C-alpha atoms as a PDB file:
ATOM      1  CA  MET A   1      -0.467   6.218 -27.442  1.00  0.00           C
ATOM      2  CA  PHE A   2      -3.347   3.964 -28.373  1.00  0.00           C
ATOM      3  CA  GLN A   3      -6.167   5.747 -30.152  1.00  0.00           C
ATOM      4  CA  PRO A   4      -9.816   4.571 -30.231  1.00  0.00           C
ATOM      5  CA  GLY A   5     -10.438   2.426 -33.293  1.00  0.00           C
ATOM      6  CA  GLN A   6      -6.725   1.839 -33.851  1.00  0.00           C
ATOM      7  CA  ALA A   7      -5.657  -1.724 -34.601  1.00  0.00           C
ATOM      8  CA  PHE A   8      -3.007  -3.248 -32.388  1.00  0.00           C
ATOM      9  CA  SER A   9      -0.944  -6.399 -32.582  1.00  0.00           C
ATOM     10  CA  GLU A  10      -1.442  -9.146 -30.061  1.00  0.00           C
ATOM     11  CA  GLU A  11       1.912  -9.753 -28.450  1.00  0.00           C
ATOM     12  CA  LYS A  12       2.779 -11.987 -25.586  1.00  0.00           C
ATOM     13  CA  ILE A  13       3.352  -9.701 -22.642  1.00  0.00           C
ATOM     14  CA  ASP A  14       5.199 -11.065 -19.619  1.00  0.00           C
ATOM     15  CA  VAL A  15       3.399  -9.596 -16.621  1.00  0.00           C
ATOM     16  CA  LYS A  16       4.054 -10.616 -13.049  1.00  0.00           C
ATOM     17  CA  ILE A  17       0.885 -10.628 -11.010  1.00  0.00           C
ATOM     18  CA  ASN A  18       1.531  -9.320  -7.504  1.00  0.00           C
ATOM     19  CA  PRO A  19       5.334  -9.145  -7.781  1.00  0.00           C
ATOM     20  CA  PRO A  20       7.177  -9.218  -4.458  1.00  0.00           C
ATOM     21  CA  ILE A  21       7.688  -5.914  -2.673  1.00  0.00           C
ATOM     22  CA  TYR A  22      10.801  -5.363  -0.576  1.00  0.00           C
ATOM     23  CA  LEU A  23      11.475  -2.989   2.314  1.00  0.00           C
ATOM     24  CA  ASN A  24      15.029  -2.773   3.641  1.00  0.00           C
ATOM     25  CA  GLY A  25      15.926  -5.969   1.787  1.00  0.00           C
ATOM     26  CA  LYS A  26      13.092  -8.029   3.299  1.00  0.00           C
ATOM     27  CA  GLU A  27      10.089  -9.161   1.278  1.00  0.00           C
ATOM     28  CA  LEU A  28       6.810  -7.842   2.658  1.00  0.00           C
ATOM     29  CA  ASP A  29       4.011 -10.263   3.412  1.00  0.00           C
ATOM     30  CA  LYS A  30       0.940  -9.632   1.230  1.00  0.00           C
ATOM     31  CA  ARG A  31      -0.935  -8.488   4.347  1.00  0.00           C
ATOM     32  CA  GLN A  32       1.593  -5.659   4.767  1.00  0.00           C
ATOM     33  CA  ARG A  33       0.968  -4.222   1.303  1.00  0.00           C
ATOM     34  CA  ASN A  34      -1.361  -1.356   0.578  1.00  0.00           C
ATOM     35  CA  PRO A  35      -2.638  -0.776  -2.945  1.00  0.00           C
ATOM     36  CA  ILE A  36      -1.619   2.683  -4.124  1.00  0.00           C
ATOM     37  CA  TYR A  37      -4.178   4.234  -6.452  1.00  0.00           C
ATOM     38  CA  ASP A  38      -2.786   7.756  -6.638  1.00  0.00           C
ATOM     39  CA  ILE A  39       0.005  10.067  -5.465  1.00  0.00           C
ATOM     40  CA  ALA A  40       0.469  13.814  -5.363  1.00  0.00           C
ATOM     41  CA  VAL A  41       3.686  15.845  -5.310  1.00  0.00           C
ATOM     42  CA  ASP A  42       3.932  19.324  -3.807  1.00  0.00           C
ATOM     43  CA  SER A  43       6.234  22.179  -4.825  1.00  0.00           C
ATOM     44  CA  GLU A  44       8.823  21.044  -2.238  1.00  0.00           C
ATOM     45  CA  GLY A  45       9.014  17.553  -3.788  1.00  0.00           C
ATOM     46  CA  ARG A  46       7.111  15.799  -1.001  1.00  0.00           C
ATOM     47  CA  LEU A  47       5.029  12.773  -2.022  1.00  0.00           C
ATOM     48  CA  TYR A  48       1.519  12.323  -0.631  1.00  0.00           C
ATOM     49  CA  VAL A  49       0.601   8.635  -0.729  1.00  0.00           C
ATOM     50  CA  PRO A  50      -2.899   7.428   0.228  1.00  0.00           C
ATOM     51  CA  GLU A  51      -2.716   3.988   1.856  1.00  0.00           C
ATOM     52  CA  PHE A  52      -6.041   2.246   1.330  1.00  0.00           C
ATOM     53  CA  TYR A  53      -5.935  -0.498   3.983  1.00  0.00           C
ATOM     54  CA  ALA A  54      -3.974   1.529   6.533  1.00  0.00           C
ATOM     55  CA  ASN A  55      -6.614   4.323   6.440  1.00  0.00           C
ATOM     56  CA  ARG A  56      -3.988   7.050   6.226  1.00  0.00           C
ATOM     57  CA  VAL A  57      -2.056   9.360   3.918  1.00  0.00           C
ATOM     58  CA  THR A  58       1.718   9.174   4.277  1.00  0.00           C
ATOM     59  CA  ILE A  59       3.845  12.182   3.386  1.00  0.00           C
ATOM     60  CA  LEU A  60       7.359  11.339   2.219  1.00  0.00           C
ATOM     61  CA  GLY A  61      10.142  13.887   1.978  1.00  0.00           C
ATOM     62  CA  GLY A  62      12.294  14.262  -1.114  1.00  0.00           C
ATOM     63  CA  ASN A  63      14.781  11.863   0.479  1.00  0.00           C
ATOM     64  CA  GLY A  64      12.100   9.158   0.838  1.00  0.00           C
ATOM     65  CA  ASN A  65      11.802   9.401   4.614  1.00  0.00           C
ATOM     66  CA  ILE A  66       8.376   9.575   6.226  1.00  0.00           C
ATOM     67  CA  GLN A  67       7.704  13.139   7.344  1.00  0.00           C
ATOM     68  CA  ARG A  68       4.140  12.726   8.554  1.00  0.00           C
ATOM     69  CA  GLN A  69       1.157  10.385   8.517  1.00  0.00           C
ATOM     70  CA  ILE A  70      -2.411  11.624   8.506  1.00  0.00           C
ATOM     71  CA  ARG A  71      -4.523   8.891  10.083  1.00  0.00           C
ATOM     72  CA  GLY A  72      -8.252   8.304  10.365  1.00  0.00           C
ATOM     73  CA  ILE A  73      -9.058   8.711   6.675  1.00  0.00           C
ATOM     74  CA  HIS A  74     -11.335   5.834   5.680  1.00  0.00           C
ATOM     75  CA  SER A  75      -9.866   3.821   2.756  1.00  0.00           C
ATOM     76  CA  PRO A  76      -8.337   6.716   0.778  1.00  0.00           C
ATOM     77  CA  HIS A  77      -8.213   6.072  -2.964  1.00  0.00           C
ATOM     78  CA  GLY A  78      -6.870   9.395  -4.166  1.00  0.00           C
ATOM     79  CA  VAL A  79      -5.136  12.506  -3.038  1.00  0.00           C
ATOM     80  CA  ALA A  80      -4.926  16.025  -4.448  1.00  0.00           C
ATOM     81  CA  LEU A  81      -3.360  19.337  -3.543  1.00  0.00           C
ATOM     82  CA  ASP A  82      -4.874  22.721  -4.260  1.00  0.00           C
ATOM     83  CA  PRO A  83      -2.777  25.525  -5.854  1.00  0.00           C
ATOM     84  CA  THR A  84      -1.604  26.685  -2.412  1.00  0.00           C
ATOM     85  CA  GLY A  85      -0.494  23.163  -1.389  1.00  0.00           C
ATOM     86  CA  ASN A  86      -3.398  22.206   0.881  1.00  0.00           C
ATOM     87  CA  LEU A  87      -4.283  18.499   0.938  1.00  0.00           C
END
């Protein structure tokens, strides 16, 4: 881990800007992508994913299938669960 004040070497880092994203073997158009700023995982292994441009939070089961979508949330950046699992 980098510590404040620590020297670091300048290496060439190969970074792809906006790499393609695939869904079921088909590349998504950039308009279909939502930036993901945060995720949360509950005790059952479900993922809570805020989708910024879609104005929703998608809940994925442990198998990756969509279990539920909570719509009408304006541009969600983050998501959190309380100790009892409430969103």
